[in-house]
N, C-alpha and C. Protein backbone atom coordinates (compact mmCIF):
# COMPACT_ATOMS: atom_id res chain seq x y z
N MET A 1 146.97 186.02 130.59
CA MET A 1 146.45 184.88 131.30
C MET A 1 147.62 184.15 131.98
N ARG A 2 147.32 183.58 133.12
CA ARG A 2 148.35 182.87 133.89
C ARG A 2 148.03 181.38 133.89
N PHE A 3 149.06 180.56 133.71
CA PHE A 3 148.90 179.11 133.64
C PHE A 3 149.85 178.42 134.61
N LYS A 4 149.44 177.23 135.03
CA LYS A 4 150.27 176.39 135.89
C LYS A 4 150.38 175.02 135.23
N ALA A 5 151.61 174.49 135.17
CA ALA A 5 151.84 173.18 134.56
C ALA A 5 152.60 172.29 135.53
N LEU A 6 152.30 171.00 135.46
CA LEU A 6 153.04 169.99 136.19
C LEU A 6 153.80 169.17 135.15
N VAL A 7 155.12 169.20 135.23
CA VAL A 7 155.98 168.53 134.26
C VAL A 7 156.75 167.42 134.97
N LEU A 8 156.70 166.20 134.41
CA LEU A 8 157.41 165.05 134.97
C LEU A 8 158.57 164.70 134.06
N VAL A 9 159.77 164.56 134.64
CA VAL A 9 160.97 164.19 133.91
C VAL A 9 161.46 162.84 134.44
N THR A 10 161.63 161.86 133.54
CA THR A 10 162.07 160.52 133.93
C THR A 10 163.13 160.03 132.95
N PRO A 11 163.90 159.01 133.36
CA PRO A 11 164.87 158.43 132.43
C PRO A 11 164.17 157.77 131.25
N LYS A 12 164.79 157.83 130.08
CA LYS A 12 164.25 157.14 128.92
C LYS A 12 164.35 155.63 129.14
N PRO A 13 163.48 154.85 128.50
CA PRO A 13 163.59 153.40 128.60
C PRO A 13 164.99 152.94 128.18
N GLY A 14 165.54 152.01 128.96
CA GLY A 14 166.87 151.50 128.67
C GLY A 14 168.00 152.26 129.34
N ILE A 15 167.69 153.42 129.93
CA ILE A 15 168.70 154.20 130.65
C ILE A 15 168.71 153.73 132.10
N SER A 16 169.89 153.56 132.64
CA SER A 16 170.05 153.11 134.03
C SER A 16 169.31 154.05 134.99
N ASP A 17 168.59 153.44 135.94
CA ASP A 17 167.83 154.20 136.94
C ASP A 17 168.13 153.59 138.32
N PRO A 18 169.32 153.86 138.87
CA PRO A 18 169.69 153.23 140.14
C PRO A 18 168.76 153.58 141.29
N GLU A 19 168.24 154.80 141.31
CA GLU A 19 167.32 155.18 142.39
C GLU A 19 166.04 154.37 142.31
N GLY A 20 165.49 154.22 141.12
CA GLY A 20 164.29 153.42 140.94
C GLY A 20 164.52 151.97 141.31
N THR A 21 165.66 151.42 140.91
CA THR A 21 165.99 150.03 141.23
C THR A 21 166.12 149.83 142.74
N THR A 22 166.75 150.78 143.43
CA THR A 22 166.89 150.68 144.88
C THR A 22 165.53 150.70 145.56
N ILE A 23 164.64 151.56 145.13
CA ILE A 23 163.30 151.62 145.70
C ILE A 23 162.54 150.34 145.41
N GLU A 24 162.67 149.84 144.19
CA GLU A 24 162.01 148.59 143.81
C GLU A 24 162.47 147.44 144.70
N ASP A 25 163.78 147.32 144.93
CA ASP A 25 164.32 146.27 145.80
C ASP A 25 163.82 146.43 147.24
N ALA A 26 163.82 147.66 147.74
CA ALA A 26 163.35 147.91 149.10
C ALA A 26 161.87 147.57 149.23
N ALA A 27 161.08 147.86 148.21
CA ALA A 27 159.65 147.55 148.25
C ALA A 27 159.45 146.05 148.41
N GLN A 28 160.23 145.24 147.69
CA GLN A 28 160.13 143.79 147.81
C GLN A 28 160.49 143.34 149.23
N HIS A 29 161.54 143.90 149.78
CA HIS A 29 161.97 143.54 151.14
C HIS A 29 160.95 143.96 152.20
N LEU A 30 160.20 144.99 151.93
CA LEU A 30 159.20 145.46 152.88
C LEU A 30 157.84 144.82 152.68
N GLY A 31 157.74 143.88 151.76
CA GLY A 31 156.52 143.12 151.58
C GLY A 31 155.56 143.66 150.53
N PHE A 32 155.98 144.61 149.73
CA PHE A 32 155.14 145.11 148.65
C PHE A 32 155.36 144.21 147.43
N SER A 33 154.83 143.00 147.49
CA SER A 33 155.14 141.98 146.49
C SER A 33 154.54 142.29 145.12
N GLY A 34 153.53 143.12 145.04
CA GLY A 34 152.92 143.44 143.76
C GLY A 34 153.66 144.49 142.96
N VAL A 35 154.69 145.09 143.54
CA VAL A 35 155.45 146.13 142.85
C VAL A 35 156.45 145.46 141.91
N SER A 36 156.34 145.75 140.62
CA SER A 36 157.24 145.12 139.66
C SER A 36 158.21 146.10 139.01
N ARG A 37 157.92 147.40 139.09
CA ARG A 37 158.82 148.38 138.50
C ARG A 37 158.62 149.73 139.16
N VAL A 38 159.74 150.39 139.45
CA VAL A 38 159.72 151.75 139.98
C VAL A 38 160.65 152.59 139.11
N THR A 39 160.17 153.73 138.67
CA THR A 39 160.99 154.68 137.93
C THR A 39 161.06 155.96 138.74
N ALA A 40 162.26 156.40 139.02
CA ALA A 40 162.44 157.64 139.77
C ALA A 40 162.50 158.80 138.78
N GLY A 41 161.99 159.93 139.19
CA GLY A 41 162.01 161.10 138.32
C GLY A 41 161.91 162.37 139.15
N ARG A 42 161.71 163.46 138.44
CA ARG A 42 161.55 164.76 139.09
C ARG A 42 160.29 165.41 138.56
N ALA A 43 159.62 166.12 139.44
CA ALA A 43 158.42 166.85 139.05
C ALA A 43 158.68 168.34 139.21
N PHE A 44 158.19 169.11 138.25
CA PHE A 44 158.35 170.57 138.28
C PHE A 44 156.98 171.21 138.15
N LEU A 45 156.70 172.19 138.99
CA LEU A 45 155.52 173.05 138.84
C LEU A 45 155.99 174.34 138.21
N VAL A 46 155.43 174.66 137.07
CA VAL A 46 155.84 175.84 136.31
C VAL A 46 154.64 176.76 136.17
N GLU A 47 154.80 178.02 136.52
CA GLU A 47 153.76 179.02 136.29
C GLU A 47 154.28 179.99 135.23
N CYS A 48 153.42 180.35 134.30
CA CYS A 48 153.85 181.27 133.24
C CYS A 48 152.68 182.13 132.79
N GLU A 49 153.03 183.24 132.19
CA GLU A 49 152.06 184.12 131.54
C GLU A 49 152.03 183.76 130.06
N ALA A 50 150.84 183.67 129.50
CA ALA A 50 150.71 183.36 128.07
C ALA A 50 149.39 183.92 127.57
N GLY A 51 149.32 184.12 126.27
CA GLY A 51 148.12 184.67 125.64
C GLY A 51 146.96 183.68 125.58
N GLY A 52 147.25 182.40 125.73
CA GLY A 52 146.21 181.37 125.68
C GLY A 52 146.82 180.01 125.94
N LEU A 53 145.99 179.00 125.91
CA LEU A 53 146.42 177.64 126.22
C LEU A 53 147.49 177.15 125.25
N ALA A 54 147.33 177.40 123.96
CA ALA A 54 148.31 176.93 122.96
C ALA A 54 149.68 177.56 123.21
N GLU A 55 149.70 178.83 123.53
CA GLU A 55 150.98 179.50 123.80
C GLU A 55 151.61 178.95 125.07
N ALA A 56 150.81 178.70 126.10
CA ALA A 56 151.32 178.12 127.35
C ALA A 56 151.90 176.73 127.10
N GLU A 57 151.20 175.92 126.28
CA GLU A 57 151.71 174.60 125.93
C GLU A 57 153.07 174.71 125.24
N ALA A 58 153.21 175.65 124.34
CA ALA A 58 154.46 175.83 123.61
C ALA A 58 155.59 176.23 124.56
N VAL A 59 155.30 177.12 125.50
CA VAL A 59 156.31 177.56 126.47
C VAL A 59 156.76 176.39 127.33
N VAL A 60 155.81 175.63 127.87
CA VAL A 60 156.13 174.52 128.76
C VAL A 60 156.85 173.41 128.00
N ASP A 61 156.42 173.11 126.78
CA ASP A 61 157.12 172.10 125.97
C ASP A 61 158.56 172.52 125.68
N SER A 62 158.76 173.77 125.35
CA SER A 62 160.10 174.26 125.08
C SER A 62 160.97 174.17 126.33
N MET A 63 160.42 174.52 127.48
CA MET A 63 161.16 174.40 128.73
C MET A 63 161.51 172.94 129.01
N GLY A 64 160.57 172.03 128.77
CA GLY A 64 160.81 170.62 128.99
C GLY A 64 161.96 170.10 128.15
N GLU A 65 161.99 170.52 126.89
CA GLU A 65 163.04 170.07 125.96
C GLU A 65 164.39 170.72 126.23
N ARG A 66 164.38 172.01 126.52
CA ARG A 66 165.63 172.77 126.55
C ARG A 66 166.19 173.04 127.94
N LEU A 67 165.35 172.93 128.98
CA LEU A 67 165.79 173.34 130.31
C LEU A 67 165.58 172.26 131.38
N LEU A 68 164.43 171.66 131.42
CA LEU A 68 164.09 170.76 132.52
C LEU A 68 164.62 169.34 132.35
N SER A 69 164.88 168.91 131.11
CA SER A 69 165.36 167.55 130.88
C SER A 69 166.61 167.54 130.02
N ASN A 70 167.31 166.44 130.09
CA ASN A 70 168.43 166.18 129.19
C ASN A 70 167.89 165.24 128.12
N PRO A 71 167.64 165.72 126.91
CA PRO A 71 166.96 164.92 125.89
C PRO A 71 167.72 163.67 125.46
N VAL A 72 168.99 163.57 125.80
CA VAL A 72 169.76 162.38 125.44
C VAL A 72 169.34 161.20 126.33
N ILE A 73 169.10 161.45 127.62
CA ILE A 73 168.83 160.35 128.55
C ILE A 73 167.48 160.45 129.27
N GLN A 74 166.76 161.56 129.08
CA GLN A 74 165.50 161.75 129.80
C GLN A 74 164.37 162.09 128.84
N GLU A 75 163.16 161.81 129.30
CA GLU A 75 161.97 162.26 128.59
C GLU A 75 161.11 163.04 129.57
N PHE A 76 160.26 163.88 129.03
CA PHE A 76 159.39 164.66 129.90
C PHE A 76 157.95 164.53 129.39
N SER A 77 157.04 164.76 130.30
CA SER A 77 155.63 164.82 129.92
C SER A 77 154.95 165.88 130.76
N VAL A 78 154.02 166.58 130.14
CA VAL A 78 153.23 167.58 130.83
C VAL A 78 152.00 166.88 131.35
N LEU A 79 151.91 166.70 132.65
CA LEU A 79 150.81 165.95 133.24
C LEU A 79 149.56 166.80 133.40
N GLU A 80 149.75 168.06 133.68
CA GLU A 80 148.63 168.99 133.86
C GLU A 80 149.03 170.35 133.31
N LEU A 81 148.07 171.04 132.74
CA LEU A 81 148.26 172.42 132.32
C LEU A 81 146.92 173.10 132.46
N GLU A 82 146.86 174.10 133.34
CA GLU A 82 145.58 174.75 133.60
C GLU A 82 145.76 176.24 133.82
N GLU A 83 144.71 176.96 133.51
CA GLU A 83 144.70 178.40 133.76
C GLU A 83 144.46 178.62 135.24
N ILE A 84 145.19 179.59 135.81
CA ILE A 84 144.99 179.91 137.22
C ILE A 84 144.63 181.37 137.38
C-alpha cells in the first residue's frame, strides 16, 4: 500500500523564530491588525510504501524525529496521512 503524509516542522515554544517575527511585524505594517502571532516552519510531503496505516504512521513519525526535524529546537506534527 502507498501512503502520503503532510508533515509540519516548527520551532518549539520559547525558541527564537526571527522569520515569524519579521512576518508578524510586516503584517502589522500592512494593516493586518488582527494578526497576533506568526510561526514560520517547513512542510514536507512524504510518500512511502507500508503494509498498513499503523506502519505508515510509524515510518513518518520516525522520519519526523530522526530526519525532518531537530528535536532539540523543533517539533513536528503529521497533519495528514492517507492512502493513495
